[in-house]
Amino acid sequence: MLAAMASLLKGHDVTQSLVHGDLWSGNARMLASGEAVVSDPAVHIGDREVDVAMKDLFGGFGAAFADSYREAWTLDDGYASRRDVYNLYRVLNRLNLFGRAYLARVPRCGSRALAAAC
């Protein structure tokens, strides 16, 4: 199973980026001035796709955000398959931290990632 998922990441040319690490709508706000801000970061250097994947997992940013992101920096081919690998990690982490409420998401992310790898 892990080897199949690793094949999804093989050959992906990662441009190292400073990523938020916990990008979901609950960590995004608009100031009174109209400026967008994010809070509660778990900042690290990694693949920018991990933040985009998490945004896709938990939603809440809308089409305008996605369109603006793609306009600024297009996602690489194969992102949809890598998204499920990145999100499986996020779901397993939350299952460990917050309990059974995340259990139902594990097979969905895992099976989509495996299906893409096969």
PDB file of N, CA and C in Angstrom:
ATOM      1  N   MET A   1       0.827  -1.193   0.000  1.00  0.00           N
ATOM      2  CA  MET A   1       0.000   0.000   0.000  1.00  0.00           C
ATOM      3  C   MET A   1       0.872   1.259   0.000  1.00  0.00           C
ATOM      4  N   LEU A   2       1.857   1.318   0.892  1.00  0.00           N
ATOM      5  CA  LEU A   2       2.714   2.499   0.962  1.00  0.00           C
ATOM      6  C   LEU A   2       3.539   2.667  -0.303  1.00  0.00           C
ATOM      7  N   ALA A   3       4.009   1.550  -0.878  1.00  0.00           N
ATOM      8  CA  ALA A   3       4.794   1.637  -2.115  1.00  0.00           C
ATOM      9  C   ALA A   3       3.936   2.182  -3.247  1.00  0.00           C
ATOM     10  N   ALA A   4       2.666   1.767  -3.293  1.00  0.00           N
ATOM     11  CA  ALA A   4       1.771   2.263  -4.339  1.00  0.00           C
ATOM     12  C   ALA A   4       1.555   3.766  -4.188  1.00  0.00           C
ATOM     13  N   MET A   5       1.376   4.228  -2.955  1.00  0.00           N
ATOM     14  CA  MET A   5       1.184   5.667  -2.731  1.00  0.00           C
ATOM     15  C   MET A   5       2.454   6.451  -3.030  1.00  0.00           C
ATOM     16  N   ALA A   6       3.600   5.869  -2.673  1.00  0.00           N
ATOM     17  CA  ALA A   6       4.870   6.546  -2.950  1.00  0.00           C
ATOM     18  C   ALA A   6       5.067   6.752  -4.450  1.00  0.00           C
ATOM     19  N   SER A   7       4.527   5.853  -5.258  1.00  0.00           N
ATOM     20  CA  SER A   7       4.666   6.000  -6.712  1.00  0.00           C
ATOM     21  C   SER A   7       3.961   7.252  -7.220  1.00  0.00           C
ATOM     22  N   LEU A   8       2.940   7.707  -6.502  1.00  0.00           N
ATOM     23  CA  LEU A   8       2.238   8.935  -6.898  1.00  0.00           C
ATOM     24  C   LEU A   8       3.113  10.169  -6.723  1.00  0.00           C
ATOM     25  N   LEU A   9       4.044  10.104  -5.773  1.00  0.00           N
ATOM     26  CA  LEU A   9       4.905  11.245  -5.497  1.00  0.00           C
ATOM     27  C   LEU A   9       6.200  11.195  -6.300  1.00  0.00           C
ATOM     28  N   LYS A  10       6.563  10.014  -6.781  1.00  0.00           N
ATOM     29  CA  LYS A  10       7.806   9.840  -7.531  1.00  0.00           C
ATOM     30  C   LYS A  10       7.766  10.664  -8.815  1.00  0.00           C
ATOM     31  N   GLY A  11       8.826  11.385  -9.049  1.00  0.00           N
ATOM     32  CA  GLY A  11       8.924  12.189 -10.261  1.00  0.00           C
ATOM     33  C   GLY A  11       8.293  13.568 -10.150  1.00  0.00           C
ATOM     34  N   HIS A  12       7.609  13.838  -9.049  1.00  0.00           N
ATOM     35  CA  HIS A  12       7.011  15.163  -8.847  1.00  0.00           C
ATOM     36  C   HIS A  12       8.130  16.121  -8.445  1.00  0.00           C
ATOM     37  N   ASP A  13       8.360  17.129  -9.239  1.00  0.00           N
ATOM     38  CA  ASP A  13       9.427  18.098  -8.996  1.00  0.00           C
ATOM     39  C   ASP A  13       8.912  19.174  -8.037  1.00  0.00           C
ATOM     40  N   VAL A  14       9.249  19.016  -6.764  1.00  0.00           N
ATOM     41  CA  VAL A  14       8.757  19.919  -5.727  1.00  0.00           C
ATOM     42  C   VAL A  14       9.569  21.204  -5.725  1.00  0.00           C
ATOM     43  N   THR A  15       8.877  22.325  -5.830  1.00  0.00           N
ATOM     44  CA  THR A  15       9.490  23.615  -5.585  1.00  0.00           C
ATOM     45  C   THR A  15       9.269  23.920  -4.119  1.00  0.00           C
ATOM     46  N   GLN A  16      10.353  23.941  -3.350  1.00  0.00           N
ATOM     47  CA  GLN A  16      10.196  24.169  -1.918  1.00  0.00           C
ATOM     48  C   GLN A  16       9.558  25.530  -1.669  1.00  0.00           C
ATOM     49  N   SER A  17       8.596  25.521  -0.761  1.00  0.00           N
ATOM     50  CA  SER A  17       7.849  26.722  -0.437  1.00  0.00           C
ATOM     51  C   SER A  17       7.644  26.797   1.067  1.00  0.00           C
ATOM     52  N   LEU A  18       7.453  27.992   1.547  1.00  0.00           N
ATOM     53  CA  LEU A  18       7.042  28.184   2.930  1.00  0.00           C
ATOM     54  C   LEU A  18       5.540  27.957   2.946  1.00  0.00           C
ATOM     55  N   VAL A  19       5.096  26.930   3.665  1.00  0.00           N
ATOM     56  CA  VAL A  19       3.679  26.597   3.682  1.00  0.00           C
ATOM     57  C   VAL A  19       3.085  26.889   5.054  1.00  0.00           C
ATOM     58  N   HIS A  20       1.809  27.180   5.065  1.00  0.00           N
ATOM     59  CA  HIS A  20       1.095  27.474   6.307  1.00  0.00           C
ATOM     60  C   HIS A  20       1.061  26.246   7.205  1.00  0.00           C
ATOM     61  N   GLY A  21       0.712  25.101   6.619  1.00  0.00           N
ATOM     62  CA  GLY A  21       0.718  23.851   7.355  1.00  0.00           C
ATOM     63  C   GLY A  21      -0.597  23.471   8.002  1.00  0.00           C
ATOM     64  N   ASP A  22      -1.528  24.389   8.110  1.00  0.00           N
ATOM     65  CA  ASP A  22      -2.843  24.086   8.689  1.00  0.00           C
ATOM     66  C   ASP A  22      -3.883  24.985   8.028  1.00  0.00           C
ATOM     67  N   LEU A  23      -3.874  24.985   6.707  1.00  0.00           N
ATOM     68  CA  LEU A  23      -4.700  25.917   5.940  1.00  0.00           C
ATOM     69  C   LEU A  23      -6.109  25.362   5.753  1.00  0.00           C
ATOM     70  N   TRP A  24      -7.009  25.894   6.542  1.00  0.00           N
ATOM     71  CA  TRP A  24      -8.429  25.610   6.392  1.00  0.00           C
ATOM     72  C   TRP A  24      -9.177  26.893   6.730  1.00  0.00           C
ATOM     73  N   SER A  25     -10.441  26.949   6.395  1.00  0.00           N
ATOM     74  CA  SER A  25     -11.183  28.210   6.514  1.00  0.00           C
ATOM     75  C   SER A  25     -11.244  28.739   7.938  1.00  0.00           C
ATOM     76  N   GLY A  26     -11.155  27.880   8.939  1.00  0.00           N
ATOM     77  CA  GLY A  26     -11.166  28.330  10.331  1.00  0.00           C
ATOM     78  C   GLY A  26      -9.933  29.116  10.717  1.00  0.00           C
ATOM     79  N   ASN A  27      -8.892  29.024   9.913  1.00  0.00           N
ATOM     80  CA  ASN A  27      -7.661  29.773  10.170  1.00  0.00           C
ATOM     81  C   ASN A  27      -7.498  30.951   9.216  1.00  0.00           C
ATOM     82  N   ALA A  28      -8.558  31.353   8.566  1.00  0.00           N
ATOM     83  CA  ALA A  28      -8.521  32.496   7.640  1.00  0.00           C
ATOM     84  C   ALA A  28      -9.542  33.527   8.084  1.00  0.00           C
ATOM     85  N   ARG A  29      -9.159  34.775   8.019  1.00  0.00           N
ATOM     86  CA  ARG A  29     -10.031  35.870   8.448  1.00  0.00           C
ATOM     87  C   ARG A  29      -9.870  37.069   7.508  1.00  0.00           C
ATOM     88  N   MET A  30     -10.849  37.936   7.571  1.00  0.00           N
ATOM     89  CA  MET A  30     -10.757  39.235   6.906  1.00  0.00           C
ATOM     90  C   MET A  30     -10.710  40.296   7.995  1.00  0.00           C
ATOM     91  N   LEU A  31      -9.727  41.163   7.920  1.00  0.00           N
ATOM     92  CA  LEU A  31      -9.653  42.281   8.857  1.00  0.00           C
ATOM     93  C   LEU A  31     -10.696  43.327   8.471  1.00  0.00           C
ATOM     94  N   ALA A  32     -10.978  44.239   9.370  1.00  0.00           N
ATOM     95  CA  ALA A  32     -11.928  45.316   9.088  1.00  0.00           C
ATOM     96  C   ALA A  32     -11.495  46.124   7.870  1.00  0.00           C
ATOM     97  N   SER A  33     -10.188  46.175   7.627  1.00  0.00           N
ATOM     98  CA  SER A  33      -9.657  46.911   6.478  1.00  0.00           C
ATOM     99  C   SER A  33      -9.878  46.176   5.157  1.00  0.00           C
ATOM    100  N   GLY A  34     -10.336  44.909   5.230  1.00  0.00           N
ATOM    101  CA  GLY A  34     -10.533  44.113   4.020  1.00  0.00           C
ATOM    102  C   GLY A  34      -9.342  43.242   3.676  1.00  0.00           C
ATOM    103  N   GLU A  35      -8.289  43.340   4.472  1.00  0.00           N
ATOM    104  CA  GLU A  35      -7.094  42.538   4.226  1.00  0.00           C
ATOM    105  C   GLU A  35      -7.317  41.112   4.734  1.00  0.00           C
ATOM    106  N   ALA A  36      -6.932  40.127   3.921  1.00  0.00           N
ATOM    107  CA  ALA A  36      -7.046  38.723   4.309  1.00  0.00           C
ATOM    108  C   ALA A  36      -5.826  38.327   5.137  1.00  0.00           C
ATOM    109  N   VAL A  37      -6.072  37.567   6.200  1.00  0.00           N
ATOM    110  CA  VAL A  37      -4.986  37.069   7.044  1.00  0.00           C
ATOM    111  C   VAL A  37      -5.263  35.605   7.385  1.00  0.00           C
ATOM    112  N   VAL A  38      -4.187  34.881   7.680  1.00  0.00           N
ATOM    113  CA  VAL A  38      -4.306  33.509   8.166  1.00  0.00           C
ATOM    114  C   VAL A  38      -3.651  33.437   9.537  1.00  0.00           C
ATOM    115  N   SER A  39      -4.157  32.531  10.371  1.00  0.00           N
ATOM    116  CA  SER A  39      -3.643  32.401  11.726  1.00  0.00           C
ATOM    117  C   SER A  39      -3.361  30.942  12.034  1.00  0.00           C
ATOM    118  N   ASP A  40      -2.862  30.692  13.233  1.00  0.00           N
ATOM    119  CA  ASP A  40      -2.626  29.353  13.758  1.00  0.00           C
ATOM    120  C   ASP A  40      -1.787  28.500  12.805  1.00  0.00           C
ATOM    121  N   PRO A  41      -0.653  28.998  12.375  1.00  0.00           N
ATOM    122  CA  PRO A  41       0.139  28.250  11.398  1.00  0.00           C
ATOM    123  C   PRO A  41       0.933  27.100  12.029  1.00  0.00           C
ATOM    124  N   ALA A  42       1.246  26.157  11.197  1.00  0.00           N
ATOM    125  CA  ALA A  42       2.204  25.089  11.499  1.00  0.00           C
ATOM    126  C   ALA A  42       3.256  25.174  10.398  1.00  0.00           C
ATOM    127  N   VAL A  43       3.894  26.327  10.320  1.00  0.00           N
ATOM    128  CA  VAL A  43       4.760  26.691   9.201  1.00  0.00           C
ATOM    129  C   VAL A  43       5.932  25.730   9.066  1.00  0.00           C
ATOM    130  N   HIS A  44       6.182  25.361   7.822  1.00  0.00           N
ATOM    131  CA  HIS A  44       7.363  24.563   7.486  1.00  0.00           C
ATOM    132  C   HIS A  44       7.672  24.760   6.005  1.00  0.00           C
ATOM    133  N   ILE A  45       8.803  24.255   5.592  1.00  0.00           N
ATOM    134  CA  ILE A  45       9.173  24.298   4.181  1.00  0.00           C
ATOM    135  C   ILE A  45       8.799  22.959   3.579  1.00  0.00           C
ATOM    136  N   GLY A  46       8.055  22.996   2.495  1.00  0.00           N
ATOM    137  CA  GLY A  46       7.620  21.763   1.858  1.00  0.00           C
ATOM    138  C   GLY A  46       6.971  22.044   0.520  1.00  0.00           C
ATOM    139  N   ASP A  47       6.236  21.079   0.047  1.00  0.00           N
ATOM    140  CA  ASP A  47       5.521  21.184  -1.217  1.00  0.00           C
ATOM    141  C   ASP A  47       4.298  22.067  -1.016  1.00  0.00           C
ATOM    142  N   ARG A  48       4.168  23.089  -1.813  1.00  0.00           N
ATOM    143  CA  ARG A  48       3.036  24.015  -1.688  1.00  0.00           C
ATOM    144  C   ARG A  48       1.701  23.299  -1.841  1.00  0.00           C
ATOM    145  N   GLU A  49       1.718  22.160  -2.512  1.00  0.00           N
ATOM    146  CA  GLU A  49       0.491  21.418  -2.733  1.00  0.00           C
ATOM    147  C   GLU A  49      -0.131  20.896  -1.434  1.00  0.00           C
ATOM    148  N   VAL A  50       0.651  20.782  -0.352  1.00  0.00           N
ATOM    149  CA  VAL A  50       0.060  20.295   0.905  1.00  0.00           C
ATOM    150  C   VAL A  50      -0.973  21.288   1.434  1.00  0.00           C
ATOM    151  N   ASP A  51      -0.711  22.584   1.279  1.00  0.00           N
ATOM    152  CA  ASP A  51      -1.689  23.584   1.710  1.00  0.00           C
ATOM    153  C   ASP A  51      -2.921  23.570   0.806  1.00  0.00           C
ATOM    154  N   VAL A  52      -2.708  23.443  -0.491  1.00  0.00           N
ATOM    155  CA  VAL A  52      -3.832  23.411  -1.424  1.00  0.00           C
ATOM    156  C   VAL A  52      -4.671  22.158  -1.166  1.00  0.00           C
ATOM    157  N   ALA A  53      -4.005  21.044  -0.893  1.00  0.00           N
ATOM    158  CA  ALA A  53      -4.722  19.790  -0.613  1.00  0.00           C
ATOM    159  C   ALA A  53      -5.576  19.924   0.639  1.00  0.00           C
ATOM    160  N   MET A  54      -5.021  20.539   1.670  1.00  0.00           N
ATOM    161  CA  MET A  54      -5.782  20.694   2.912  1.00  0.00           C
ATOM    162  C   MET A  54      -6.972  21.619   2.689  1.00  0.00           C
ATOM    163  N   LYS A  55      -6.775  22.658   1.915  1.00  0.00           N
ATOM    164  CA  LYS A  55      -7.873  23.555   1.566  1.00  0.00           C
ATOM    165  C   LYS A  55      -8.964  22.767   0.857  1.00  0.00           C
ATOM    166  N   ASP A  56      -8.596  21.839  -0.009  1.00  0.00           N
ATOM    167  CA  ASP A  56      -9.580  21.009  -0.705  1.00  0.00           C
ATOM    168  C   ASP A  56     -10.261  20.032   0.248  1.00  0.00           C
ATOM    169  N   LEU A  57      -9.529  19.530   1.231  1.00  0.00           N
ATOM    170  CA  LEU A  57     -10.075  18.559   2.179  1.00  0.00           C
ATOM    171  C   LEU A  57     -11.171  19.164   3.047  1.00  0.00           C
ATOM    172  N   PHE A  58     -10.913  20.344   3.589  1.00  0.00           N
ATOM    173  CA  PHE A  58     -11.849  20.949   4.532  1.00  0.00           C
ATOM    174  C   PHE A  58     -12.699  22.052   3.933  1.00  0.00           C
ATOM    175  N   GLY A  59     -12.385  22.499   2.736  1.00  0.00           N
ATOM    176  CA  GLY A  59     -13.214  23.472   2.037  1.00  0.00           C
ATOM    177  C   GLY A  59     -13.253  24.837   2.694  1.00  0.00           C
ATOM    178  N   GLY A  60     -14.187  25.648   2.221  1.00  0.00           N
ATOM    179  CA  GLY A  60     -14.430  26.932   2.836  1.00  0.00           C
ATOM    180  C   GLY A  60     -13.771  28.128   2.188  1.00  0.00           C
ATOM    181  N   PHE A  61     -13.025  27.924   1.111  1.00  0.00           N
ATOM    182  CA  PHE A  61     -12.362  29.058   0.481  1.00  0.00           C
ATOM    183  C   PHE A  61     -13.041  29.527  -0.796  1.00  0.00           C
ATOM    184  N   GLY A  62     -13.816  28.699  -1.423  1.00  0.00           N
ATOM    185  CA  GLY A  62     -14.596  29.103  -2.584  1.00  0.00           C
ATOM    186  C   GLY A  62     -13.825  29.143  -3.891  1.00  0.00           C
ATOM    187  N   ALA A  63     -14.578  29.322  -4.951  1.00  0.00           N
ATOM    188  CA  ALA A  63     -14.031  29.291  -6.305  1.00  0.00           C
ATOM    189  C   ALA A  63     -13.106  30.469  -6.594  1.00  0.00           C
ATOM    190  N   ALA A  64     -13.390  31.633  -6.032  1.00  0.00           N
ATOM    191  CA  ALA A  64     -12.541  32.804  -6.289  1.00  0.00           C
ATOM    192  C   ALA A  64     -11.119  32.570  -5.785  1.00  0.00           C
ATOM    193  N   PHE A  65     -10.995  31.937  -4.630  1.00  0.00           N
ATOM    194  CA  PHE A  65      -9.667  31.615  -4.101  1.00  0.00           C
ATOM    195  C   PHE A  65      -8.942  30.666  -5.045  1.00  0.00           C
ATOM    196  N   ALA A  66      -9.624  29.587  -5.447  1.00  0.00           N
ATOM    197  CA  ALA A  66      -9.014  28.593  -6.339  1.00  0.00           C
ATOM    198  C   ALA A  66      -8.618  29.222  -7.672  1.00  0.00           C
ATOM    199  N   ASP A  67      -9.477  30.044  -8.234  1.00  0.00           N
ATOM    200  CA  ASP A  67      -9.168  30.707  -9.507  1.00  0.00           C
ATOM    201  C   ASP A  67      -7.967  31.634  -9.373  1.00  0.00           C
ATOM    202  N   SER A  68      -7.919  32.405  -8.305  1.00  0.00           N
ATOM    203  CA  SER A  68      -6.797  33.318  -8.079  1.00  0.00           C
ATOM    204  C   SER A  68      -5.494  32.558  -7.885  1.00  0.00           C
ATOM    205  N   TYR A  69      -5.560  31.448  -7.153  1.00  0.00           N
ATOM    206  CA  TYR A  69      -4.364  30.633  -6.923  1.00  0.00           C
ATOM    207  C   TYR A  69      -3.838  30.088  -8.245  1.00  0.00           C
ATOM    208  N   ARG A  70      -4.738  29.505  -9.047  1.00  0.00           N
ATOM    209  CA  ARG A  70      -4.315  28.938 -10.343  1.00  0.00           C
ATOM    210  C   ARG A  70      -3.760  30.018 -11.260  1.00  0.00           C
ATOM    211  N   GLU A  71      -4.312  31.213 -11.181  1.00  0.00           N
ATOM    212  CA  GLU A  71      -3.817  32.316 -12.003  1.00  0.00           C
ATOM    213  C   GLU A  71      -2.399  32.714 -11.579  1.00  0.00           C
ATOM    214  N   ALA A  72      -2.146  32.701 -10.280  1.00  0.00           N
ATOM    215  CA  ALA A  72      -0.824  33.080  -9.760  1.00  0.00           C
ATOM    216  C   ALA A  72       0.211  31.973  -9.966  1.00  0.00           C
ATOM    217  N   TRP A  73      -0.213  30.704  -9.796  1.00  0.00           N
ATOM    218  CA  TRP A  73       0.742  29.598  -9.873  1.00  0.00           C
ATOM    219  C   TRP A  73      -0.036  28.322 -10.147  1.00  0.00           C
ATOM    220  N   THR A  74       0.006  27.864 -11.376  1.00  0.00           N
ATOM    221  CA  THR A  74      -0.720  26.678 -11.797  1.00  0.00           C
ATOM    222  C   THR A  74      -0.209  25.442 -11.068  1.00  0.00           C
ATOM    223  N   LEU A  75      -1.115  24.578 -10.694  1.00  0.00           N
ATOM    224  CA  LEU A  75      -0.732  23.314 -10.071  1.00  0.00           C
ATOM    225  C   LEU A  75      -0.158  22.371 -11.125  1.00  0.00           C
ATOM    226  N   ASP A  76       0.810  21.572 -10.712  1.00  0.00           N
ATOM    227  CA  ASP A  76       1.454  20.633 -11.626  1.00  0.00           C
ATOM    228  C   ASP A  76       0.517  19.488 -11.985  1.00  0.00           C
ATOM    229  N   ASP A  77       0.766  18.854 -13.137  1.00  0.00           N
ATOM    230  CA  ASP A  77       0.002  17.677 -13.535  1.00  0.00           C
ATOM    231  C   ASP A  77       0.085  16.624 -12.434  1.00  0.00           C
ATOM    232  N   GLY A  78      -0.996  15.932 -12.219  1.00  0.00           N
ATOM    233  CA  GLY A  78      -1.036  14.877 -11.226  1.00  0.00           C
ATOM    234  C   GLY A  78      -1.382  15.352  -9.834  1.00  0.00           C
ATOM    235  N   TYR A  79      -1.678  16.635  -9.685  1.00  0.00           N
ATOM    236  CA  TYR A  79      -2.001  17.157  -8.353  1.00  0.00           C
ATOM    237  C   TYR A  79      -3.151  16.382  -7.714  1.00  0.00           C
ATOM    238  N   ALA A  80      -4.195  16.086  -8.463  1.00  0.00           N
ATOM    239  CA  ALA A  80      -5.376  15.429  -7.885  1.00  0.00           C
ATOM    240  C   ALA A  80      -5.015  14.114  -7.211  1.00  0.00           C
ATOM    241  N   SER A  81      -4.088  13.379  -7.773  1.00  0.00           N
ATOM    242  CA  SER A  81      -3.650  12.118  -7.161  1.00  0.00           C
ATOM    243  C   SER A  81      -2.783  12.370  -5.934  1.00  0.00           C
ATOM    244  N   ARG A  82      -1.893  13.325  -6.019  1.00  0.00           N
ATOM    245  CA  ARG A  82      -1.039  13.646  -4.859  1.00  0.00           C
ATOM    246  C   ARG A  82      -1.869  14.226  -3.722  1.00  0.00           C
ATOM    247  N   ARG A  83      -2.912  14.962  -4.053  1.00  0.00           N
ATOM    248  CA  ARG A  83      -3.793  15.544  -3.043  1.00  0.00           C
ATOM    249  C   ARG A  83      -4.289  14.475  -2.078  1.00  0.00           C
ATOM    250  N   ASP A  84      -4.688  13.330  -2.597  1.00  0.00           N
ATOM    251  CA  ASP A  84      -5.223  12.279  -1.738  1.00  0.00           C
ATOM    252  C   ASP A  84      -4.156  11.680  -0.830  1.00  0.00           C
ATOM    253  N   VAL A  85      -2.919  11.607  -1.294  1.00  0.00           N
ATOM    254  CA  VAL A  85      -1.829  11.130  -0.431  1.00  0.00           C
ATOM    255  C   VAL A  85      -1.589  12.142   0.685  1.00  0.00           C
ATOM    256  N   TYR A  86      -1.490  13.421   0.332  1.00  0.00           N
ATOM    257  CA  TYR A  86      -1.275  14.460   1.344  1.00  0.00           C
ATOM    258  C   TYR A  86      -2.437  14.503   2.342  1.00  0.00           C
ATOM    259  N   ASN A  87      -3.653  14.353   1.858  1.00  0.00           N
ATOM    260  CA  ASN A  87      -4.816  14.436   2.744  1.00  0.00           C
ATOM    261  C   ASN A  87      -4.971  13.194   3.617  1.00  0.00           C
ATOM    262  N   LEU A  88      -4.499  12.053   3.145  1.00  0.00           N
ATOM    263  CA  LEU A  88      -4.524  10.863   3.999  1.00  0.00           C
ATOM    264  C   LEU A  88      -3.676  11.121   5.242  1.00  0.00           C
ATOM    265  N   TYR A  89      -2.524  11.735   5.061  1.00  0.00           N
ATOM    266  CA  TYR A  89      -1.697  12.098   6.221  1.00  0.00           C
ATOM    267  C   TYR A  89      -2.476  13.023   7.160  1.00  0.00           C
ATOM    268  N   ARG A  90      -3.132  14.038   6.627  1.00  0.00           N
ATOM    269  CA  ARG A  90      -3.871  15.001   7.448  1.00  0.00           C
ATOM    270  C   ARG A  90      -4.994  14.319   8.234  1.00  0.00           C
ATOM    271  N   VAL A  91      -5.714  13.427   7.557  1.00  0.00           N
ATOM    272  CA  VAL A  91      -6.829  12.745   8.215  1.00  0.00           C
ATOM    273  C   VAL A  91      -6.310  11.804   9.303  1.00  0.00           C
ATOM    274  N   LEU A  92      -5.235  11.060   9.030  1.00  0.00           N
ATOM    275  CA  LEU A  92      -4.663  10.177  10.043  1.00  0.00           C
ATOM    276  C   LEU A  92      -4.158  10.977  11.245  1.00  0.00           C
ATOM    277  N   ASN A  93      -3.559  12.125  10.981  1.00  0.00           N
ATOM    278  CA  ASN A  93      -3.079  12.985  12.057  1.00  0.00           C
ATOM    279  C   ASN A  93      -4.238  13.463  12.929  1.00  0.00           C
ATOM    280  N   ARG A  94      -5.323  13.883  12.303  1.00  0.00           N
ATOM    281  CA  ARG A  94      -6.485  14.346  13.063  1.00  0.00           C
ATOM    282  C   ARG A  94      -7.181  13.202  13.796  1.00  0.00           C
ATOM    283  N   LEU A  95      -7.186  12.036  13.188  1.00  0.00           N
ATOM    284  CA  LEU A  95      -7.719  10.867  13.882  1.00  0.00           C
ATOM    285  C   LEU A  95      -6.934  10.621  15.170  1.00  0.00           C
ATOM    286  N   ASN A  96      -5.624  10.728  15.087  1.00  0.00           N
ATOM    287  CA  ASN A  96      -4.771  10.549  16.255  1.00  0.00           C
ATOM    288  C   ASN A  96      -5.005  11.645  17.301  1.00  0.00           C
ATOM    289  N   LEU A  97      -5.118  12.885  16.863  1.00  0.00           N
ATOM    290  CA  LEU A  97      -5.252  14.007  17.788  1.00  0.00           C
ATOM    291  C   LEU A  97      -6.656  14.181  18.358  1.00  0.00           C
ATOM    292  N   PHE A  98      -7.673  13.995  17.504  1.00  0.00           N
ATOM    293  CA  PHE A  98      -9.026  14.379  17.883  1.00  0.00           C
ATOM    294  C   PHE A  98     -10.016  13.219  17.966  1.00  0.00           C
ATOM    295  N   GLY A  99      -9.602  12.032  17.565  1.00  0.00           N
ATOM    296  CA  GLY A  99     -10.442  10.862  17.763  1.00  0.00           C
ATOM    297  C   GLY A  99     -11.283  10.423  16.589  1.00  0.00           C
ATOM    298  N   ARG A 100     -12.218   9.566  16.904  1.00  0.00           N
ATOM    299  CA  ARG A 100     -12.992   8.799  15.935  1.00  0.00           C
ATOM    300  C   ARG A 100     -13.797   9.623  14.935  1.00  0.00           C
ATOM    301  N   ALA A 101     -14.004  10.870  15.187  1.00  0.00           N
ATOM    302  CA  ALA A 101     -14.776  11.692  14.251  1.00  0.00           C
ATOM    303  C   ALA A 101     -14.146  11.694  12.856  1.00  0.00           C
ATOM    304  N   TYR A 102     -12.863  11.428  12.762  1.00  0.00           N
ATOM    305  CA  TYR A 102     -12.157  11.437  11.475  1.00  0.00           C
ATOM    306  C   TYR A 102     -12.002  10.048  10.873  1.00  0.00           C
ATOM    307  N   LEU A 103     -12.426   9.022  11.572  1.00  0.00           N
ATOM    308  CA  LEU A 103     -12.218   7.647  11.124  1.00  0.00           C
ATOM    309  C   LEU A 103     -12.849   7.365   9.764  1.00  0.00           C
ATOM    310  N   ALA A 104     -14.031   7.868   9.516  1.00  0.00           N
ATOM    311  CA  ALA A 104     -14.721   7.595   8.246  1.00  0.00           C
ATOM    312  C   ALA A 104     -13.987   8.172   7.042  1.00  0.00           C
ATOM    313  N   ARG A 105     -13.174   9.193   7.243  1.00  0.00           N
ATOM    314  CA  ARG A 105     -12.455   9.806   6.124  1.00  0.00           C
ATOM    315  C   ARG A 105     -11.224   9.007   5.704  1.00  0.00           C
ATOM    316  N   VAL A 106     -10.711   8.168   6.587  1.00  0.00           N
ATOM    317  CA  VAL A 106      -9.478   7.425   6.284  1.00  0.00           C
ATOM    318  C   VAL A 106      -9.644   6.528   5.063  1.00  0.00           C
ATOM    319  N   PRO A 107     -10.655   5.655   5.011  1.00  0.00           N
ATOM    320  CA  PRO A 107     -10.780   4.791   3.830  1.00  0.00           C
ATOM    321  C   PRO A 107     -11.015   5.578   2.538  1.00  0.00           C
ATOM    322  N   ARG A 108     -11.756   6.688   2.629  1.00  0.00           N
ATOM    323  CA  ARG A 108     -12.017   7.473   1.409  1.00  0.00           C
ATOM    324  C   ARG A 108     -10.732   8.024   0.835  1.00  0.00           C
ATOM    325  N   CYS A 109      -9.920   8.684   1.651  1.00  0.00           N
ATOM    326  CA  CYS A 109      -8.658   9.248   1.166  1.00  0.00           C
ATOM    327  C   CYS A 109      -7.713   8.139   0.730  1.00  0.00           C
ATOM    328  N   GLY A 110      -7.633   7.082   1.538  1.00  0.00           N
ATOM    329  CA  GLY A 110      -6.718   5.987   1.215  1.00  0.00           C
ATOM    330  C   GLY A 110      -7.095   5.271  -0.060  1.00  0.00           C
ATOM    331  N   SER A 111      -8.378   4.986  -0.251  1.00  0.00           N
ATOM    332  CA  SER A 111      -8.781   4.252  -1.451  1.00  0.00           C
ATOM    333  C   SER A 111      -8.639   5.106  -2.701  1.00  0.00           C
ATOM    334  N   ARG A 112      -8.901   6.405  -2.609  1.00  0.00           N
ATOM    335  CA  ARG A 112      -8.703   7.279  -3.780  1.00  0.00           C
ATOM    336  C   ARG A 112      -7.228   7.346  -4.142  1.00  0.00           C
ATOM    337  N   ALA A 113      -6.359   7.446  -3.133  1.00  0.00           N
ATOM    338  CA  ALA A 113      -4.920   7.499  -3.394  1.00  0.00           C
ATOM    339  C   ALA A 113      -4.450   6.194  -4.022  1.00  0.00           C
ATOM    340  N   LEU A 114      -4.898   5.068  -3.479  1.00  0.00           N
ATOM    341  CA  LEU A 114      -4.507   3.759  -4.033  1.00  0.00           C
ATOM    342  C   LEU A 114      -5.042   3.561  -5.441  1.00  0.00           C
ATOM    343  N   ALA A 115      -6.261   3.992  -5.687  1.00  0.00           N
ATOM    344  CA  ALA A 115      -6.845   3.846  -7.022  1.00  0.00           C
ATOM    345  C   ALA A 115      -6.031   4.636  -8.037  1.00  0.00           C
ATOM    346  N   ALA A 116      -5.562   5.805  -7.655  1.00  0.00           N
ATOM    347  CA  ALA A 116      -4.761   6.620  -8.568  1.00  0.00           C
ATOM    348  C   ALA A 116      -3.401   5.997  -8.818  1.00  0.00           C
ATOM    349  N   ALA A 117      -2.883   5.249  -7.841  1.00  0.00           N
ATOM    350  CA  ALA A 117      -1.555   4.657  -7.960  1.00  0.00           C
ATOM    351  C   ALA A 117      -1.561   3.399  -8.812  1.00  0.00           C
ATOM    352  N   CYS A 118      -2.721   2.739  -8.904  1.00  0.00           N
ATOM    353  CA  CYS A 118      -2.789   1.447  -9.612  1.00  0.00           C
ATOM    354  C   CYS A 118      -3.060   1.626 -11.092  1.00  0.00           C
TER     355      CYS A 118
END
